[in-house]
Amino acid sequence: MSGDFYAASTCTYLKMNQSSLPYKILGVDPGTNLLGYAILEVCGKNLKLIDFGVFRLKEYEDHHHKLKEIYLQLQEIIECYLPKILAIEAPFYGKNVQSMLKLGRAQGVAMAAAITMGLEIHEYAPKKIKQSITGNGNASKEQVAALLESMLKIKIDTAHLDATDALAAAVTHFNQNSSLLSGTKKHSGWSSFIKDNPDRVL
């Protein structure tokens, strides 16, 4: 597999409100220079981090080659881990039209790779993800990473925050989905959840 990966093998369980057969969520933070990915496994009421990392695409000068690599490498990740859901960060609106266009293409290719493999697709706005993790829609990448480290008992290299964003997208999907299925109180963020349910965190 081409591209540079930063993988974390630490596996941590969090007790959550969801009863179902085990399944995996693929989180993606799209980009044409760095693309972050994360694999989470949901086992009943437990959330397990399987792997997360980044694709480094700067070595490919041609934009279309980058898109091809995104498609192929994500399909390899899907074939390896067999997730059933893609949780992807939606492009944010910015002033640079060309950057927005490239980011949108990267997201589209990532979604196409997942759709062709039969995954469900769920998009989350950056503010929605930050709100879910930290309770603050304007939180920094570093704040999101710090809370994920605390919750999942892992160490995140600050050079790989794109992988952290992908992990946050996957956790956001789980958090929202478990709240909807359980019919319990919806929390503004993980800090709120932990405060209300200290006995559910290991």
N, C-alpha and C. Protein backbone atom coordinates (compact mmCIF):
# COMPACT_ATOMS: atom_id res chain seq x y z
N MET A 1 0.85 -1.19 0.00
CA MET A 1 0.00 0.00 0.00
C MET A 1 0.88 1.24 0.00
N SER A 2 0.63 2.16 -0.95
CA SER A 2 1.44 3.37 -1.00
C SER A 2 0.94 4.36 0.02
N GLY A 3 1.77 5.36 0.30
CA GLY A 3 1.40 6.36 1.31
C GLY A 3 2.03 6.05 2.64
N ASP A 4 2.06 7.05 3.49
CA ASP A 4 2.70 6.92 4.79
C ASP A 4 1.62 6.82 5.86
N PHE A 5 1.73 5.84 6.71
CA PHE A 5 0.72 5.61 7.73
C PHE A 5 1.31 5.78 9.13
N TYR A 6 0.51 6.38 9.98
CA TYR A 6 0.87 6.45 11.40
C TYR A 6 -0.22 5.68 12.12
N ALA A 7 0.10 4.49 12.62
CA ALA A 7 -0.90 3.62 13.19
C ALA A 7 -0.78 3.55 14.70
N ALA A 8 -1.93 3.46 15.35
CA ALA A 8 -1.97 3.28 16.80
C ALA A 8 -2.64 1.95 17.09
N SER A 9 -1.95 1.06 17.78
CA SER A 9 -2.49 -0.26 18.03
C SER A 9 -3.16 -0.38 19.39
N THR A 10 -3.10 0.69 20.19
CA THR A 10 -3.71 0.65 21.51
C THR A 10 -5.21 0.47 21.39
N CYS A 11 -5.75 -0.47 22.13
CA CYS A 11 -7.19 -0.73 22.08
C CYS A 11 -7.79 -0.45 23.46
N THR A 12 -8.80 0.38 23.48
CA THR A 12 -9.43 0.79 24.72
C THR A 12 -10.93 0.63 24.61
N TYR A 13 -11.57 0.24 25.71
CA TYR A 13 -13.01 0.07 25.73
C TYR A 13 -13.66 1.16 26.57
N LEU A 14 -14.76 1.71 26.05
CA LEU A 14 -15.59 2.63 26.80
C LEU A 14 -16.98 2.04 26.88
N LYS A 15 -17.54 1.99 28.09
CA LYS A 15 -18.90 1.51 28.25
C LYS A 15 -19.87 2.56 27.72
N MET A 16 -20.77 2.15 26.82
CA MET A 16 -21.70 3.08 26.21
C MET A 16 -23.11 2.49 26.17
N ASN A 17 -24.09 3.34 25.74
CA ASN A 17 -25.48 2.93 25.66
C ASN A 17 -25.82 2.42 24.27
N GLN A 18 -25.43 1.21 23.91
CA GLN A 18 -25.82 0.66 22.63
C GLN A 18 -25.71 -0.85 22.69
N SER A 19 -26.77 -1.53 22.22
CA SER A 19 -26.77 -2.99 22.20
C SER A 19 -26.93 -3.43 20.75
N SER A 20 -25.91 -4.09 20.22
CA SER A 20 -25.96 -4.57 18.84
C SER A 20 -24.81 -5.54 18.64
N LEU A 21 -24.83 -6.20 17.47
CA LEU A 21 -23.73 -7.06 17.12
C LEU A 21 -22.51 -6.20 16.81
N PRO A 22 -21.31 -6.75 16.95
CA PRO A 22 -20.11 -5.95 16.67
C PRO A 22 -20.09 -5.42 15.24
N TYR A 23 -19.69 -4.19 15.08
CA TYR A 23 -19.50 -3.60 13.76
C TYR A 23 -18.43 -2.53 13.85
N LYS A 24 -17.92 -2.11 12.70
CA LYS A 24 -16.84 -1.13 12.67
C LYS A 24 -17.28 0.15 11.96
N ILE A 25 -16.72 1.26 12.42
CA ILE A 25 -16.94 2.57 11.82
C ILE A 25 -15.62 3.07 11.25
N LEU A 26 -15.65 3.51 10.00
CA LEU A 26 -14.48 4.15 9.39
C LEU A 26 -14.67 5.66 9.45
N GLY A 27 -13.79 6.34 10.17
CA GLY A 27 -13.82 7.80 10.21
C GLY A 27 -12.81 8.36 9.24
N VAL A 28 -13.19 9.42 8.52
CA VAL A 28 -12.29 10.02 7.54
C VAL A 28 -12.32 11.54 7.65
N ASP A 29 -11.12 12.13 7.67
CA ASP A 29 -10.96 13.58 7.56
C ASP A 29 -10.33 13.82 6.19
N PRO A 30 -11.13 14.24 5.19
CA PRO A 30 -10.63 14.32 3.82
C PRO A 30 -9.62 15.44 3.60
N GLY A 31 -8.70 15.20 2.67
CA GLY A 31 -7.71 16.18 2.29
C GLY A 31 -6.90 15.64 1.13
N THR A 32 -6.31 16.52 0.34
CA THR A 32 -5.53 16.05 -0.81
C THR A 32 -4.03 16.04 -0.54
N ASN A 33 -3.61 16.58 0.59
CA ASN A 33 -2.21 16.47 1.00
C ASN A 33 -2.06 15.49 2.16
N LEU A 34 -2.96 15.60 3.12
CA LEU A 34 -3.04 14.65 4.23
C LEU A 34 -4.49 14.22 4.39
N LEU A 35 -4.71 12.94 4.43
CA LEU A 35 -6.05 12.41 4.67
C LEU A 35 -5.99 11.52 5.91
N GLY A 36 -6.80 11.86 6.90
CA GLY A 36 -6.82 11.08 8.13
C GLY A 36 -7.88 10.00 8.10
N TYR A 37 -7.58 8.87 8.72
CA TYR A 37 -8.57 7.79 8.82
C TYR A 37 -8.51 7.18 10.22
N ALA A 38 -9.60 6.56 10.62
CA ALA A 38 -9.66 5.87 11.91
C ALA A 38 -10.64 4.72 11.80
N ILE A 39 -10.34 3.63 12.48
CA ILE A 39 -11.23 2.47 12.53
C ILE A 39 -11.64 2.23 13.98
N LEU A 40 -12.94 2.28 14.25
CA LEU A 40 -13.50 1.99 15.57
C LEU A 40 -14.37 0.76 15.47
N GLU A 41 -14.28 -0.11 16.47
CA GLU A 41 -15.16 -1.28 16.54
C GLU A 41 -16.13 -1.10 17.69
N VAL A 42 -17.40 -1.27 17.39
CA VAL A 42 -18.45 -1.19 18.40
C VAL A 42 -18.86 -2.61 18.76
N CYS A 43 -18.68 -2.96 20.02
CA CYS A 43 -19.02 -4.29 20.51
C CYS A 43 -20.07 -4.14 21.62
N GLY A 44 -21.34 -4.24 21.27
CA GLY A 44 -22.38 -4.03 22.25
C GLY A 44 -22.32 -2.64 22.82
N LYS A 45 -21.95 -2.53 24.09
CA LYS A 45 -21.84 -1.23 24.75
C LYS A 45 -20.39 -0.72 24.79
N ASN A 46 -19.52 -1.37 24.06
CA ASN A 46 -18.10 -1.01 24.10
C ASN A 46 -17.61 -0.40 22.80
N LEU A 47 -16.74 0.58 22.92
CA LEU A 47 -16.12 1.23 21.77
C LEU A 47 -14.63 0.94 21.81
N LYS A 48 -14.11 0.37 20.74
CA LYS A 48 -12.71 -0.07 20.69
C LYS A 48 -11.97 0.59 19.53
N LEU A 49 -10.86 1.26 19.82
CA LEU A 49 -10.02 1.83 18.77
C LEU A 49 -9.15 0.72 18.17
N ILE A 50 -9.31 0.50 16.86
CA ILE A 50 -8.54 -0.54 16.18
C ILE A 50 -7.29 0.04 15.54
N ASP A 51 -7.45 1.13 14.81
CA ASP A 51 -6.33 1.69 14.07
C ASP A 51 -6.66 3.13 13.67
N PHE A 52 -5.67 3.98 13.56
CA PHE A 52 -5.85 5.30 12.96
C PHE A 52 -4.53 5.79 12.41
N GLY A 53 -4.61 6.64 11.41
CA GLY A 53 -3.39 7.09 10.76
C GLY A 53 -3.67 8.11 9.68
N VAL A 54 -2.66 8.38 8.85
CA VAL A 54 -2.80 9.36 7.78
C VAL A 54 -2.22 8.83 6.48
N PHE A 55 -2.80 9.27 5.36
CA PHE A 55 -2.21 9.07 4.04
C PHE A 55 -1.45 10.35 3.71
N ARG A 56 -0.19 10.24 3.36
CA ARG A 56 0.59 11.41 2.95
C ARG A 56 0.59 11.45 1.41
N LEU A 57 0.01 12.49 0.85
CA LEU A 57 -0.20 12.57 -0.59
C LEU A 57 0.58 13.70 -1.26
N LYS A 58 1.40 14.41 -0.50
CA LYS A 58 2.13 15.55 -1.05
C LYS A 58 3.11 15.13 -2.14
N GLU A 59 3.57 13.87 -2.10
CA GLU A 59 4.55 13.42 -3.08
C GLU A 59 3.95 13.32 -4.48
N TYR A 60 2.62 13.29 -4.57
CA TYR A 60 1.98 13.21 -5.87
C TYR A 60 1.63 14.62 -6.35
N GLU A 61 2.32 15.09 -7.38
CA GLU A 61 2.11 16.46 -7.84
C GLU A 61 0.78 16.62 -8.57
N ASP A 62 0.38 15.60 -9.32
CA ASP A 62 -0.86 15.68 -10.08
C ASP A 62 -2.07 15.48 -9.17
N HIS A 63 -3.02 16.40 -9.21
CA HIS A 63 -4.20 16.33 -8.34
C HIS A 63 -5.01 15.07 -8.59
N HIS A 64 -5.14 14.68 -9.84
CA HIS A 64 -5.93 13.49 -10.17
C HIS A 64 -5.27 12.22 -9.64
N HIS A 65 -3.94 12.22 -9.60
CA HIS A 65 -3.22 11.08 -9.03
C HIS A 65 -3.50 10.97 -7.53
N LYS A 66 -3.57 12.12 -6.87
CA LYS A 66 -3.90 12.13 -5.45
C LYS A 66 -5.28 11.53 -5.21
N LEU A 67 -6.24 11.90 -6.04
CA LEU A 67 -7.60 11.39 -5.89
C LEU A 67 -7.62 9.87 -6.11
N LYS A 68 -6.84 9.42 -7.06
CA LYS A 68 -6.75 7.97 -7.32
C LYS A 68 -6.20 7.24 -6.10
N GLU A 69 -5.15 7.82 -5.50
CA GLU A 69 -4.55 7.19 -4.32
C GLU A 69 -5.53 7.16 -3.15
N ILE A 70 -6.30 8.23 -2.98
CA ILE A 70 -7.31 8.25 -1.92
C ILE A 70 -8.29 7.10 -2.10
N TYR A 71 -8.76 6.95 -3.33
CA TYR A 71 -9.74 5.90 -3.63
C TYR A 71 -9.15 4.52 -3.36
N LEU A 72 -7.96 4.26 -3.89
CA LEU A 72 -7.37 2.93 -3.77
C LEU A 72 -6.98 2.59 -2.33
N GLN A 73 -6.39 3.57 -1.63
CA GLN A 73 -5.93 3.29 -0.28
C GLN A 73 -7.10 3.13 0.70
N LEU A 74 -8.15 3.91 0.51
CA LEU A 74 -9.32 3.73 1.37
C LEU A 74 -9.99 2.39 1.12
N GLN A 75 -10.00 1.96 -0.14
CA GLN A 75 -10.58 0.65 -0.42
C GLN A 75 -9.76 -0.46 0.24
N GLU A 76 -8.46 -0.29 0.30
CA GLU A 76 -7.62 -1.28 0.99
C GLU A 76 -7.92 -1.30 2.49
N ILE A 77 -8.11 -0.13 3.07
CA ILE A 77 -8.47 -0.05 4.49
C ILE A 77 -9.81 -0.76 4.72
N ILE A 78 -10.76 -0.51 3.83
CA ILE A 78 -12.08 -1.12 3.97
C ILE A 78 -12.00 -2.63 3.82
N GLU A 79 -11.22 -3.10 2.85
CA GLU A 79 -11.06 -4.54 2.65
C GLU A 79 -10.38 -5.20 3.85
N CYS A 80 -9.47 -4.47 4.47
CA CYS A 80 -8.72 -5.01 5.61
C CYS A 80 -9.60 -5.13 6.86
N TYR A 81 -10.36 -4.07 7.17
CA TYR A 81 -11.09 -4.02 8.44
C TYR A 81 -12.59 -4.27 8.32
N LEU A 82 -13.14 -4.19 7.11
CA LEU A 82 -14.55 -4.45 6.85
C LEU A 82 -15.50 -3.61 7.72
N PRO A 83 -15.34 -2.30 7.72
CA PRO A 83 -16.31 -1.46 8.44
C PRO A 83 -17.63 -1.45 7.69
N LYS A 84 -18.70 -1.09 8.37
CA LYS A 84 -19.99 -1.01 7.68
C LYS A 84 -20.49 0.42 7.56
N ILE A 85 -19.82 1.36 8.23
CA ILE A 85 -20.24 2.76 8.23
C ILE A 85 -19.05 3.67 7.95
N LEU A 86 -19.27 4.70 7.13
CA LEU A 86 -18.30 5.77 6.95
C LEU A 86 -18.83 7.02 7.62
N ALA A 87 -18.06 7.56 8.57
CA ALA A 87 -18.36 8.85 9.19
C ALA A 87 -17.30 9.82 8.69
N ILE A 88 -17.71 10.78 7.88
CA ILE A 88 -16.75 11.66 7.22
C ILE A 88 -17.03 13.12 7.55
N GLU A 89 -15.96 13.87 7.74
CA GLU A 89 -16.10 15.30 8.02
C GLU A 89 -16.46 16.03 6.74
N ALA A 90 -17.54 16.81 6.79
CA ALA A 90 -17.99 17.56 5.62
C ALA A 90 -17.09 18.78 5.42
N PRO A 91 -16.86 19.19 4.16
CA PRO A 91 -16.02 20.37 3.90
C PRO A 91 -16.62 21.62 4.56
N PHE A 92 -15.75 22.44 5.11
CA PHE A 92 -16.21 23.70 5.68
C PHE A 92 -16.10 24.79 4.62
N TYR A 93 -16.89 25.84 4.78
CA TYR A 93 -16.88 26.92 3.80
C TYR A 93 -15.73 27.88 4.09
N GLY A 94 -14.92 28.14 3.06
CA GLY A 94 -13.79 29.03 3.22
C GLY A 94 -13.72 30.04 2.08
N LYS A 95 -12.79 30.96 2.19
CA LYS A 95 -12.66 32.01 1.18
C LYS A 95 -11.90 31.54 -0.05
N ASN A 96 -11.03 30.53 0.11
CA ASN A 96 -10.24 30.04 -1.01
C ASN A 96 -11.05 29.02 -1.81
N VAL A 97 -11.55 29.45 -2.96
CA VAL A 97 -12.42 28.61 -3.77
C VAL A 97 -11.70 27.37 -4.27
N GLN A 98 -10.44 27.53 -4.70
CA GLN A 98 -9.68 26.40 -5.22
C GLN A 98 -9.45 25.34 -4.14
N SER A 99 -9.15 25.78 -2.93
CA SER A 99 -8.95 24.84 -1.82
C SER A 99 -10.24 24.11 -1.50
N MET A 100 -11.36 24.83 -1.53
CA MET A 100 -12.65 24.22 -1.26
C MET A 100 -12.99 23.19 -2.32
N LEU A 101 -12.68 23.50 -3.58
CA LEU A 101 -12.95 22.58 -4.68
C LEU A 101 -12.15 21.29 -4.51
N LYS A 102 -10.86 21.42 -4.17
CA LYS A 102 -10.01 20.24 -3.99
C LYS A 102 -10.47 19.41 -2.80
N LEU A 103 -10.85 20.07 -1.72
CA LEU A 103 -11.33 19.36 -0.54
C LEU A 103 -12.62 18.62 -0.84
N GLY A 104 -13.51 19.28 -1.59
CA GLY A 104 -14.76 18.64 -1.97
C GLY A 104 -14.55 17.41 -2.84
N ARG A 105 -13.57 17.50 -3.73
CA ARG A 105 -13.25 16.35 -4.58
C ARG A 105 -12.72 15.19 -3.73
N ALA A 106 -11.86 15.51 -2.78
CA ALA A 106 -11.30 14.47 -1.90
C ALA A 106 -12.41 13.79 -1.11
N GLN A 107 -13.36 14.57 -0.60
CA GLN A 107 -14.47 13.99 0.13
C GLN A 107 -15.32 13.10 -0.78
N GLY A 108 -15.58 13.59 -2.00
CA GLY A 108 -16.39 12.83 -2.94
C GLY A 108 -15.76 11.49 -3.30
N VAL A 109 -14.45 11.49 -3.53
CA VAL A 109 -13.74 10.25 -3.87
C VAL A 109 -13.76 9.28 -2.69
N ALA A 110 -13.58 9.81 -1.48
CA ALA A 110 -13.62 8.97 -0.28
C ALA A 110 -15.00 8.34 -0.13
N MET A 111 -16.04 9.12 -0.37
CA MET A 111 -17.40 8.61 -0.27
C MET A 111 -17.66 7.57 -1.35
N ALA A 112 -17.14 7.80 -2.56
CA ALA A 112 -17.32 6.84 -3.65
C ALA A 112 -16.65 5.51 -3.32
N ALA A 113 -15.44 5.59 -2.73
CA ALA A 113 -14.73 4.37 -2.35
C ALA A 113 -15.55 3.57 -1.33
N ALA A 114 -16.20 4.27 -0.40
CA ALA A 114 -17.01 3.60 0.62
C ALA A 114 -18.31 3.07 0.05
N ILE A 115 -18.95 3.84 -0.80
CA ILE A 115 -20.23 3.42 -1.39
C ILE A 115 -20.06 2.16 -2.21
N THR A 116 -19.00 2.10 -3.02
CA THR A 116 -18.79 0.93 -3.86
C THR A 116 -18.50 -0.32 -3.04
N MET A 117 -18.10 -0.13 -1.78
CA MET A 117 -17.85 -1.27 -0.90
C MET A 117 -19.05 -1.56 0.01
N GLY A 118 -20.15 -0.84 -0.21
CA GLY A 118 -21.38 -1.13 0.51
C GLY A 118 -21.53 -0.47 1.87
N LEU A 119 -20.73 0.56 2.17
CA LEU A 119 -20.82 1.21 3.48
C LEU A 119 -21.96 2.24 3.52
N GLU A 120 -22.54 2.42 4.71
CA GLU A 120 -23.45 3.52 4.94
C GLU A 120 -22.63 4.80 5.06
N ILE A 121 -23.16 5.91 4.56
CA ILE A 121 -22.42 7.17 4.57
C ILE A 121 -23.09 8.17 5.50
N HIS A 122 -22.30 8.76 6.39
CA HIS A 122 -22.81 9.78 7.30
C HIS A 122 -21.82 10.94 7.34
N GLU A 123 -22.30 12.15 7.04
CA GLU A 123 -21.47 13.35 7.04
C GLU A 123 -21.71 14.16 8.31
N TYR A 124 -20.64 14.75 8.83
CA TYR A 124 -20.74 15.60 10.02
C TYR A 124 -19.93 16.87 9.80
N ALA A 125 -20.55 18.00 10.06
CA ALA A 125 -19.87 19.28 9.93
C ALA A 125 -18.79 19.40 11.00
N PRO A 126 -17.71 20.12 10.71
CA PRO A 126 -16.63 20.28 11.69
C PRO A 126 -17.12 20.78 13.05
N LYS A 127 -18.02 21.75 13.05
CA LYS A 127 -18.54 22.26 14.32
C LYS A 127 -19.33 21.20 15.08
N LYS A 128 -20.06 20.36 14.34
CA LYS A 128 -20.83 19.28 14.96
C LYS A 128 -19.89 18.29 15.67
N ILE A 129 -18.79 17.98 15.01
CA ILE A 129 -17.82 17.05 15.59
C ILE A 129 -17.18 17.63 16.84
N LYS A 130 -16.75 18.88 16.76
CA LYS A 130 -16.13 19.52 17.91
C LYS A 130 -17.10 19.63 19.08
N GLN A 131 -18.36 19.93 18.76
CA GLN A 131 -19.39 20.03 19.80
C GLN A 131 -19.59 18.69 20.48
N SER A 132 -19.61 17.62 19.68
CA SER A 132 -19.84 16.28 20.22
C SER A 132 -18.72 15.84 21.14
N ILE A 133 -17.49 16.16 20.78
CA ILE A 133 -16.34 15.70 21.55
C ILE A 133 -16.05 16.58 22.75
N THR A 134 -16.09 17.89 22.55
CA THR A 134 -15.65 18.82 23.61
C THR A 134 -16.78 19.62 24.24
N GLY A 135 -17.94 19.66 23.58
CA GLY A 135 -19.02 20.51 24.06
C GLY A 135 -18.89 21.93 23.55
N ASN A 136 -17.86 22.19 22.72
CA ASN A 136 -17.61 23.52 22.17
C ASN A 136 -17.37 23.41 20.68
N GLY A 137 -18.28 23.98 19.87
CA GLY A 137 -18.16 23.90 18.43
C GLY A 137 -16.99 24.66 17.84
N ASN A 138 -16.34 25.48 18.65
CA ASN A 138 -15.19 26.25 18.19
C ASN A 138 -13.88 25.76 18.80
N ALA A 139 -13.88 24.57 19.34
CA ALA A 139 -12.67 24.02 19.97
C ALA A 139 -11.56 23.83 18.94
N SER A 140 -10.33 23.89 19.40
CA SER A 140 -9.17 23.70 18.53
C SER A 140 -8.91 22.22 18.31
N LYS A 141 -8.11 21.91 17.29
CA LYS A 141 -7.71 20.52 17.04
C LYS A 141 -7.01 19.94 18.27
N GLU A 142 -6.20 20.77 18.91
CA GLU A 142 -5.46 20.31 20.08
C GLU A 142 -6.39 19.95 21.24
N GLN A 143 -7.46 20.72 21.41
CA GLN A 143 -8.43 20.44 22.47
C GLN A 143 -9.18 19.14 22.20
N VAL A 144 -9.54 18.94 20.93
CA VAL A 144 -10.21 17.69 20.54
C VAL A 144 -9.30 16.51 20.80
N ALA A 145 -8.03 16.64 20.40
CA ALA A 145 -7.07 15.56 20.58
C ALA A 145 -6.87 15.24 22.06
N ALA A 146 -6.80 16.28 22.88
CA ALA A 146 -6.57 16.08 24.32
C ALA A 146 -7.72 15.31 24.95
N LEU A 147 -8.94 15.63 24.58
CA LEU A 147 -10.09 14.92 25.14
C LEU A 147 -10.15 13.48 24.65
N LEU A 148 -9.82 13.26 23.38
CA LEU A 148 -9.80 11.89 22.87
C LEU A 148 -8.73 11.06 23.57
N GLU A 149 -7.58 11.67 23.83
CA GLU A 149 -6.52 10.98 24.57
C GLU A 149 -7.01 10.56 25.94
N SER A 150 -7.69 11.47 26.61
CA SER A 150 -8.19 11.19 27.96
C SER A 150 -9.25 10.11 27.95
N MET A 151 -10.16 10.18 26.98
CA MET A 151 -11.26 9.23 26.92
C MET A 151 -10.83 7.83 26.51
N LEU A 152 -9.92 7.77 25.52
CA LEU A 152 -9.52 6.48 24.96
C LEU A 152 -8.21 5.95 25.54
N LYS A 153 -7.59 6.73 26.43
CA LYS A 153 -6.34 6.32 27.07
C LYS A 153 -5.27 6.00 26.02
N ILE A 154 -5.09 6.93 25.07
CA ILE A 154 -4.08 6.76 24.04
C ILE A 154 -3.21 8.01 23.98
N LYS A 155 -2.10 7.93 23.28
CA LYS A 155 -1.22 9.07 23.07
C LYS A 155 -1.27 9.44 21.60
N ILE A 156 -1.63 10.70 21.31
CA ILE A 156 -1.76 11.17 19.94
C ILE A 156 -0.63 12.14 19.62
N ASP A 157 0.16 11.82 18.60
CA ASP A 157 1.23 12.70 18.15
C ASP A 157 0.61 13.94 17.51
N THR A 158 1.05 15.12 17.93
CA THR A 158 0.47 16.36 17.41
C THR A 158 0.73 16.54 15.92
N ALA A 159 1.65 15.78 15.36
CA ALA A 159 1.92 15.86 13.93
C ALA A 159 0.87 15.12 13.11
N HIS A 160 -0.04 14.43 13.79
CA HIS A 160 -1.03 13.62 13.08
C HIS A 160 -2.45 14.00 13.51
N LEU A 161 -2.71 15.30 13.55
CA LEU A 161 -4.03 15.76 13.98
C LEU A 161 -5.12 15.46 12.94
N ASP A 162 -4.72 15.21 11.69
CA ASP A 162 -5.71 14.82 10.69
C ASP A 162 -6.29 13.45 11.04
N ALA A 163 -5.47 12.57 11.59
CA ALA A 163 -5.95 11.28 12.04
C ALA A 163 -6.88 11.46 13.24
N THR A 164 -6.57 12.43 14.09
CA THR A 164 -7.41 12.72 15.25
C THR A 164 -8.78 13.22 14.82
N ASP A 165 -8.83 14.05 13.78
CA ASP A 165 -10.10 14.54 13.27
C ASP A 165 -10.94 13.39 12.73
N ALA A 166 -10.30 12.43 12.07
CA ALA A 166 -11.01 11.27 11.57
C ALA A 166 -11.56 10.43 12.72
N LEU A 167 -10.75 10.27 13.76
CA LEU A 167 -11.18 9.54 14.94
C LEU A 167 -12.37 10.24 15.59
N ALA A 168 -12.30 11.56 15.66
CA ALA A 168 -13.39 12.34 16.25
C ALA A 168 -14.68 12.18 15.45
N ALA A 169 -14.58 12.10 14.13
CA ALA A 169 -15.76 11.91 13.29
C ALA A 169 -16.42 10.57 13.58
N ALA A 170 -15.61 9.53 13.73
CA ALA A 170 -16.15 8.20 14.02
C ALA A 170 -16.81 8.16 15.40
N VAL A 171 -16.15 8.78 16.39
CA VAL A 171 -16.70 8.82 17.74
C VAL A 171 -17.99 9.63 17.77
N THR A 172 -18.04 10.71 16.99
CA THR A 172 -19.25 11.52 16.91
C THR A 172 -20.42 10.69 16.40
N HIS A 173 -20.17 9.88 15.38
CA HIS A 173 -21.25 9.04 14.86
C HIS A 173 -21.73 8.06 15.93
N PHE A 174 -20.80 7.44 16.61
CA PHE A 174 -21.19 6.49 17.66
C PHE A 174 -21.97 7.20 18.77
N ASN A 175 -21.48 8.34 19.17
CA ASN A 175 -22.12 9.09 20.24
C ASN A 175 -23.56 9.46 19.88
N GLN A 176 -23.74 9.97 18.67
CA GLN A 176 -25.08 10.36 18.23
C GLN A 176 -25.98 9.16 18.04
N ASN A 177 -25.46 8.11 17.42
CA ASN A 177 -26.26 6.92 17.15
C ASN A 177 -26.69 6.23 18.43
N SER A 178 -25.79 6.14 19.41
CA SER A 178 -26.13 5.47 20.67
C SER A 178 -27.18 6.26 21.44
N SER A 179 -27.14 7.57 21.34
CA SER A 179 -28.14 8.40 22.02
C SER A 179 -29.52 8.20 21.41
N LEU A 180 -29.55 8.12 20.07
CA LEU A 180 -30.82 7.94 19.38
C LEU A 180 -31.42 6.58 19.67
N LEU A 181 -30.57 5.54 19.71
CA LEU A 181 -31.07 4.19 19.92
C LEU A 181 -31.52 3.96 21.35
N SER A 182 -30.83 4.55 22.29
CA SER A 182 -31.13 4.29 23.70
C SER A 182 -32.30 5.11 24.20
N GLY A 183 -32.55 6.25 23.54
CA GLY A 183 -33.63 7.13 23.99
C GLY A 183 -33.28 7.84 25.28
N THR A 184 -32.01 7.86 25.64
CA THR A 184 -31.58 8.50 26.87
C THR A 184 -31.22 9.95 26.61
N LYS A 185 -30.83 10.62 27.64
CA LYS A 185 -30.47 12.03 27.54
C LYS A 185 -29.37 12.24 26.51
N LYS A 186 -29.55 13.26 25.67
CA LYS A 186 -28.54 13.59 24.68
C LYS A 186 -27.56 14.58 25.29
N HIS A 187 -26.29 14.25 25.24
CA HIS A 187 -25.27 15.08 25.87
C HIS A 187 -24.64 16.02 24.86
N SER A 188 -24.21 17.17 25.33
CA SER A 188 -23.59 18.17 24.46
C SER A 188 -22.16 17.80 24.07
N GLY A 189 -21.56 16.89 24.79
CA GLY A 189 -20.19 16.47 24.49
C GLY A 189 -19.78 15.34 25.41
N TRP A 190 -18.57 14.83 25.16
CA TRP A 190 -18.10 13.70 25.97
C TRP A 190 -17.87 14.11 27.41
N SER A 191 -17.44 15.33 27.63
CA SER A 191 -17.23 15.78 29.00
C SER A 191 -18.54 15.76 29.78
N SER A 192 -19.64 16.13 29.09
CA SER A 192 -20.96 16.09 29.72
C SER A 192 -21.40 14.66 29.99
N PHE A 193 -21.12 13.77 29.02
CA PHE A 193 -21.48 12.36 29.19
C PHE A 193 -20.76 11.75 30.38
N ILE A 194 -19.44 12.00 30.47
CA ILE A 194 -18.64 11.45 31.56
C ILE A 194 -19.11 11.98 32.90
N LYS A 195 -19.48 13.26 32.94
CA LYS A 195 -19.94 13.87 34.19
C LYS A 195 -21.22 13.20 34.68
N ASP A 196 -22.13 12.90 33.73
CA ASP A 196 -23.40 12.28 34.09
C ASP A 196 -23.31 10.78 34.29
N ASN A 197 -22.26 10.16 33.69
CA ASN A 197 -22.14 8.70 33.75
C ASN A 197 -20.72 8.27 34.13
N PRO A 198 -20.21 8.64 35.27
CA PRO A 198 -18.83 8.30 35.62
C PRO A 198 -18.59 6.80 35.74
N ASP A 199 -19.66 6.06 36.01
CA ASP A 199 -19.50 4.60 36.19
C ASP A 199 -19.42 3.88 34.87
N ARG A 200 -19.64 4.55 33.76
CA ARG A 200 -19.63 3.90 32.46
C ARG A 200 -18.33 4.04 31.71
N VAL A 201 -17.36 4.69 32.28
CA VAL A 201 -16.08 4.90 31.63
C VAL A 201 -15.01 4.08 32.32
N LEU A 202 -14.30 3.27 31.53
CA LEU A 202 -13.23 2.44 32.08
C LEU A 202 -11.89 3.03 31.69
